[in-house]
């Protein structure tokens, strides 16, 4: 299991745990914890409604792919630590990270 912290749009933080041996995306875990993630495209990096900002631990996650960057760069607010939750796989690299929800809520 991997532990990391999620900050919602209101600034509330919650530490959550996720299995790191199932190949799940961060988007899937956030939805399982009932965060308001639209994920309109179903995790195909086509809509950016699962936009997050990595407040702590961004260097461990590596850089975004070109497909991911294309979507992020079209957002009205884009940060150097922005990612799409659908493109971040749950792994030990997330341990101790702090993730802020930035995408549209429903």
N, C-alpha and C. Protein backbone atom coordinates (compact mmCIF):
# COMPACT_ATOMS: atom_id res chain seq x y z
N UNK A 1 0.83 -1.19 0.00
CA UNK A 1 0.00 0.00 0.00
C UNK A 1 0.88 1.26 0.00
N UNK A 2 0.37 2.28 -0.66
CA UNK A 2 1.05 3.57 -0.75
C UNK A 2 0.17 4.60 -0.06
N UNK A 3 0.79 5.48 0.73
CA UNK A 3 0.05 6.54 1.41
C UNK A 3 0.46 7.88 0.83
N UNK A 4 -0.54 8.72 0.57
CA UNK A 4 -0.30 10.08 0.11
C UNK A 4 -1.46 10.94 0.55
N UNK A 5 -1.31 12.24 0.42
CA UNK A 5 -2.32 13.19 0.90
C UNK A 5 -2.98 13.87 -0.28
N UNK A 6 -4.29 14.03 -0.18
CA UNK A 6 -5.07 14.71 -1.21
C UNK A 6 -5.69 15.96 -0.60
N UNK A 7 -5.50 17.09 -1.29
CA UNK A 7 -6.13 18.35 -0.89
C UNK A 7 -7.24 18.66 -1.88
N UNK A 8 -8.46 18.82 -1.37
CA UNK A 8 -9.59 19.10 -2.27
C UNK A 8 -9.64 20.58 -2.63
N UNK A 9 -10.65 20.96 -3.41
CA UNK A 9 -10.78 22.33 -3.87
C UNK A 9 -11.03 23.33 -2.74
N UNK A 10 -11.50 22.84 -1.60
CA UNK A 10 -11.76 23.70 -0.44
C UNK A 10 -10.56 23.80 0.50
N UNK A 11 -9.47 23.10 0.18
CA UNK A 11 -8.28 23.14 1.02
C UNK A 11 -8.23 22.08 2.11
N UNK A 12 -9.24 21.21 2.15
CA UNK A 12 -9.25 20.13 3.13
C UNK A 12 -8.30 19.03 2.70
N UNK A 13 -7.50 18.53 3.62
CA UNK A 13 -6.55 17.47 3.30
C UNK A 13 -6.94 16.16 3.97
N UNK A 14 -6.73 15.07 3.23
CA UNK A 14 -7.02 13.73 3.73
C UNK A 14 -5.90 12.80 3.28
N UNK A 15 -5.39 12.02 4.21
CA UNK A 15 -4.39 11.02 3.86
C UNK A 15 -5.13 9.78 3.37
N UNK A 16 -4.73 9.28 2.21
CA UNK A 16 -5.38 8.08 1.69
C UNK A 16 -4.34 7.02 1.36
N UNK A 17 -4.81 5.79 1.27
CA UNK A 17 -3.95 4.66 0.92
C UNK A 17 -4.50 4.00 -0.33
N UNK A 18 -3.58 3.47 -1.12
CA UNK A 18 -3.97 2.81 -2.36
C UNK A 18 -3.04 1.62 -2.60
N UNK A 19 -3.57 0.56 -3.18
CA UNK A 19 -2.72 -0.58 -3.51
C UNK A 19 -1.79 -0.24 -4.67
N UNK A 20 -0.53 -0.60 -4.53
CA UNK A 20 0.44 -0.29 -5.58
C UNK A 20 0.77 -1.48 -6.46
N UNK A 21 -0.03 -2.52 -6.37
CA UNK A 21 0.26 -3.73 -7.14
C UNK A 21 -0.85 -4.10 -8.12
N UNK A 22 -1.73 -3.15 -8.43
CA UNK A 22 -2.87 -3.45 -9.30
C UNK A 22 -2.85 -2.65 -10.60
N UNK A 23 -1.87 -1.78 -10.79
CA UNK A 23 -1.78 -0.99 -12.02
C UNK A 23 -2.85 0.08 -12.15
N UNK A 24 -3.41 0.52 -11.02
CA UNK A 24 -4.45 1.55 -11.05
C UNK A 24 -3.86 2.93 -11.28
N UNK A 25 -4.68 3.82 -11.81
CA UNK A 25 -4.26 5.21 -11.97
C UNK A 25 -4.71 6.00 -10.75
N UNK A 26 -4.10 7.14 -10.56
CA UNK A 26 -4.49 8.04 -9.48
C UNK A 26 -5.94 8.47 -9.66
N UNK A 27 -6.37 8.67 -10.89
CA UNK A 27 -7.76 9.03 -11.17
C UNK A 27 -8.72 7.98 -10.61
N UNK A 28 -8.41 6.71 -10.84
CA UNK A 28 -9.29 5.64 -10.35
C UNK A 28 -9.37 5.63 -8.84
N UNK A 29 -8.25 5.88 -8.18
CA UNK A 29 -8.24 5.91 -6.72
C UNK A 29 -9.03 7.11 -6.20
N UNK A 30 -8.85 8.27 -6.82
CA UNK A 30 -9.58 9.45 -6.40
C UNK A 30 -11.08 9.25 -6.55
N UNK A 31 -11.50 8.63 -7.63
CA UNK A 31 -12.92 8.33 -7.82
C UNK A 31 -13.42 7.33 -6.78
N UNK A 32 -12.59 6.33 -6.46
CA UNK A 32 -12.97 5.33 -5.45
C UNK A 32 -13.16 5.98 -4.08
N UNK A 33 -12.39 7.02 -3.79
CA UNK A 33 -12.53 7.76 -2.54
C UNK A 33 -13.60 8.84 -2.64
N UNK A 34 -14.33 8.84 -3.75
CA UNK A 34 -15.47 9.72 -4.00
C UNK A 34 -15.11 11.21 -4.07
N UNK A 35 -13.91 11.49 -4.58
CA UNK A 35 -13.57 12.88 -4.88
C UNK A 35 -14.29 13.27 -6.17
N UNK A 36 -14.65 14.55 -6.32
CA UNK A 36 -15.43 14.97 -7.50
C UNK A 36 -14.56 15.11 -8.76
N UNK A 37 -14.12 13.98 -9.28
CA UNK A 37 -13.31 13.94 -10.49
C UNK A 37 -14.23 13.56 -11.65
N UNK A 38 -14.37 14.44 -12.63
CA UNK A 38 -15.26 14.13 -13.75
C UNK A 38 -14.70 13.02 -14.63
N UNK A 39 -13.45 13.13 -15.03
CA UNK A 39 -12.82 12.12 -15.89
C UNK A 39 -13.72 11.78 -17.07
N UNK A 40 -14.16 12.82 -17.76
CA UNK A 40 -15.10 12.69 -18.86
C UNK A 40 -14.64 11.72 -19.93
N UNK A 41 -13.35 11.68 -20.21
CA UNK A 41 -12.83 10.82 -21.28
C UNK A 41 -12.53 9.40 -20.81
N UNK A 42 -12.72 9.14 -19.52
CA UNK A 42 -12.49 7.79 -19.00
C UNK A 42 -11.02 7.44 -18.81
N UNK A 43 -10.17 8.43 -18.73
CA UNK A 43 -8.77 8.17 -18.46
C UNK A 43 -7.87 8.07 -19.68
N UNK A 44 -8.29 8.66 -20.77
CA UNK A 44 -7.51 8.57 -22.01
C UNK A 44 -6.70 9.83 -22.31
N UNK A 45 -6.59 10.73 -21.34
CA UNK A 45 -5.84 11.99 -21.48
C UNK A 45 -6.37 12.87 -22.61
N UNK A 46 -7.70 12.93 -22.72
CA UNK A 46 -8.33 13.71 -23.78
C UNK A 46 -9.13 14.91 -23.28
N UNK A 47 -9.38 15.00 -21.95
CA UNK A 47 -10.28 16.05 -21.49
C UNK A 47 -9.70 16.95 -20.40
N UNK A 48 -8.74 16.49 -19.67
CA UNK A 48 -8.09 17.24 -18.58
C UNK A 48 -9.02 17.56 -17.40
N UNK A 49 -10.14 16.87 -17.28
CA UNK A 49 -11.03 17.09 -16.13
C UNK A 49 -10.52 16.40 -14.87
N UNK A 50 -9.40 15.71 -14.96
CA UNK A 50 -8.77 15.09 -13.78
C UNK A 50 -7.47 15.81 -13.43
N UNK A 51 -7.39 17.09 -13.80
CA UNK A 51 -6.21 17.91 -13.55
C UNK A 51 -5.89 17.96 -12.06
N UNK A 52 -4.63 17.70 -11.71
CA UNK A 52 -4.15 17.81 -10.34
C UNK A 52 -2.86 18.63 -10.35
N UNK A 53 -2.50 19.11 -9.19
CA UNK A 53 -1.21 19.75 -9.01
C UNK A 53 -0.47 18.96 -7.93
N UNK A 54 0.76 18.61 -8.20
CA UNK A 54 1.57 17.86 -7.23
C UNK A 54 2.30 18.89 -6.37
N UNK A 55 1.84 19.04 -5.12
CA UNK A 55 2.42 20.03 -4.21
C UNK A 55 3.72 19.53 -3.59
N UNK A 56 3.82 18.22 -3.41
CA UNK A 56 5.03 17.61 -2.84
C UNK A 56 5.24 16.26 -3.53
N UNK A 57 6.46 16.02 -3.99
CA UNK A 57 6.80 14.74 -4.59
C UNK A 57 6.81 14.73 -6.11
N UNK A 58 6.74 15.91 -6.73
CA UNK A 58 6.67 15.96 -8.20
C UNK A 58 7.92 15.39 -8.86
N UNK A 59 9.08 15.55 -8.23
CA UNK A 59 10.30 15.05 -8.85
C UNK A 59 10.32 13.53 -8.94
N UNK A 60 9.66 12.85 -8.02
CA UNK A 60 9.61 11.39 -8.06
C UNK A 60 8.72 10.86 -9.19
N UNK A 61 7.73 11.64 -9.58
CA UNK A 61 6.77 11.19 -10.59
C UNK A 61 7.28 11.31 -12.02
N UNK A 62 8.37 12.03 -12.22
CA UNK A 62 8.89 12.19 -13.56
C UNK A 62 8.11 13.25 -14.34
N UNK A 63 8.43 13.37 -15.60
CA UNK A 63 7.80 14.40 -16.41
C UNK A 63 6.57 13.85 -17.13
N UNK A 64 5.67 14.75 -17.46
CA UNK A 64 4.45 14.37 -18.18
C UNK A 64 4.79 14.01 -19.62
N UNK A 65 3.98 13.15 -20.21
CA UNK A 65 4.15 12.79 -21.61
C UNK A 65 3.69 13.94 -22.49
N UNK A 66 4.04 13.89 -23.77
CA UNK A 66 3.62 14.93 -24.71
C UNK A 66 2.09 15.01 -24.80
N UNK A 67 1.43 13.86 -24.80
CA UNK A 67 -0.04 13.83 -24.88
C UNK A 67 -0.64 14.52 -23.66
N UNK A 68 -0.08 14.23 -22.50
CA UNK A 68 -0.55 14.85 -21.26
C UNK A 68 -0.30 16.36 -21.28
N UNK A 69 0.88 16.76 -21.69
CA UNK A 69 1.22 18.18 -21.76
C UNK A 69 0.33 18.94 -22.73
N UNK A 70 -0.04 18.31 -23.85
CA UNK A 70 -0.94 18.95 -24.81
C UNK A 70 -2.26 19.33 -24.15
N UNK A 71 -2.80 18.44 -23.33
CA UNK A 71 -4.05 18.73 -22.63
C UNK A 71 -3.86 19.78 -21.55
N UNK A 72 -2.80 19.66 -20.77
CA UNK A 72 -2.55 20.59 -19.67
C UNK A 72 -2.34 22.02 -20.17
N UNK A 73 -1.63 22.15 -21.27
CA UNK A 73 -1.31 23.48 -21.79
C UNK A 73 -2.54 24.21 -22.33
N UNK A 74 -3.63 23.51 -22.55
CA UNK A 74 -4.88 24.13 -23.01
C UNK A 74 -5.78 24.58 -21.87
N UNK A 75 -5.38 24.31 -20.63
CA UNK A 75 -6.18 24.69 -19.48
C UNK A 75 -6.01 26.18 -19.17
N UNK A 76 -7.05 26.81 -18.60
CA UNK A 76 -6.92 28.21 -18.23
C UNK A 76 -5.87 28.44 -17.14
N UNK A 77 -5.74 27.48 -16.22
CA UNK A 77 -4.71 27.54 -15.18
C UNK A 77 -3.87 26.28 -15.29
N UNK A 78 -2.60 26.48 -15.52
CA UNK A 78 -1.65 25.37 -15.69
C UNK A 78 -0.41 25.70 -14.87
N UNK A 79 0.04 24.74 -14.08
CA UNK A 79 1.19 24.95 -13.20
C UNK A 79 2.34 24.05 -13.65
N UNK A 80 3.53 24.40 -13.26
CA UNK A 80 4.69 23.59 -13.64
C UNK A 80 4.62 22.19 -13.04
N UNK A 81 3.83 22.03 -11.99
CA UNK A 81 3.68 20.72 -11.35
C UNK A 81 2.31 20.09 -11.64
N UNK A 82 1.63 20.59 -12.66
CA UNK A 82 0.33 20.02 -13.06
C UNK A 82 0.52 18.66 -13.72
N UNK A 83 -0.44 17.80 -13.47
CA UNK A 83 -0.48 16.48 -14.11
C UNK A 83 -1.95 16.11 -14.33
N UNK A 84 -2.16 15.09 -15.13
CA UNK A 84 -3.49 14.49 -15.26
C UNK A 84 -3.49 13.25 -14.39
N UNK A 85 -4.45 13.15 -13.49
CA UNK A 85 -4.50 12.01 -12.57
C UNK A 85 -4.64 10.68 -13.31
N UNK A 86 -5.24 10.72 -14.49
CA UNK A 86 -5.40 9.47 -15.25
C UNK A 86 -4.07 8.95 -15.79
N UNK A 87 -3.06 9.80 -15.86
CA UNK A 87 -1.77 9.41 -16.41
C UNK A 87 -0.73 9.09 -15.33
N UNK A 88 -1.11 9.23 -14.07
CA UNK A 88 -0.20 8.91 -12.95
C UNK A 88 -0.59 7.54 -12.41
N UNK A 89 0.31 6.59 -12.49
CA UNK A 89 0.06 5.24 -11.97
C UNK A 89 0.39 5.19 -10.49
N UNK A 90 -0.41 4.44 -9.75
CA UNK A 90 -0.16 4.26 -8.33
C UNK A 90 1.07 3.37 -8.18
N UNK A 91 2.08 3.91 -7.52
CA UNK A 91 3.30 3.17 -7.26
C UNK A 91 3.95 3.74 -6.01
N UNK A 92 5.03 3.13 -5.58
CA UNK A 92 5.74 3.62 -4.40
C UNK A 92 6.29 5.02 -4.61
N UNK A 93 6.37 5.47 -5.86
CA UNK A 93 6.84 6.84 -6.14
C UNK A 93 5.90 7.89 -5.56
N UNK A 94 4.65 7.52 -5.32
CA UNK A 94 3.67 8.44 -4.75
C UNK A 94 3.75 8.57 -3.23
N UNK A 95 4.49 7.67 -2.59
CA UNK A 95 4.57 7.64 -1.13
C UNK A 95 4.94 9.02 -0.58
N UNK A 96 4.08 9.55 0.32
CA UNK A 96 4.34 10.82 0.97
C UNK A 96 4.00 12.05 0.14
N UNK A 97 3.53 11.88 -1.08
CA UNK A 97 3.19 13.01 -1.94
C UNK A 97 1.97 13.75 -1.42
N UNK A 98 1.86 15.00 -1.86
CA UNK A 98 0.65 15.79 -1.59
C UNK A 98 0.11 16.22 -2.94
N UNK A 99 -1.14 15.86 -3.19
CA UNK A 99 -1.82 16.09 -4.46
C UNK A 99 -2.96 17.07 -4.23
N UNK A 100 -3.04 18.12 -5.03
CA UNK A 100 -4.16 19.07 -4.94
C UNK A 100 -5.06 18.91 -6.15
N UNK A 101 -6.34 18.76 -5.92
CA UNK A 101 -7.32 18.64 -6.99
C UNK A 101 -7.48 20.00 -7.67
N UNK A 102 -7.38 20.01 -8.99
CA UNK A 102 -7.51 21.25 -9.75
C UNK A 102 -8.59 21.15 -10.82
N UNK A 103 -8.96 19.95 -11.20
CA UNK A 103 -9.93 19.78 -12.27
C UNK A 103 -11.30 20.27 -11.89
N UNK A 104 -12.16 20.35 -12.90
CA UNK A 104 -13.55 20.75 -12.67
C UNK A 104 -14.23 19.74 -11.79
N UNK A 105 -15.09 20.23 -10.90
CA UNK A 105 -15.89 19.29 -10.12
C UNK A 105 -17.27 19.18 -10.76
N UNK A 106 -18.01 18.20 -10.30
CA UNK A 106 -19.32 17.95 -10.91
C UNK A 106 -20.41 18.60 -10.18
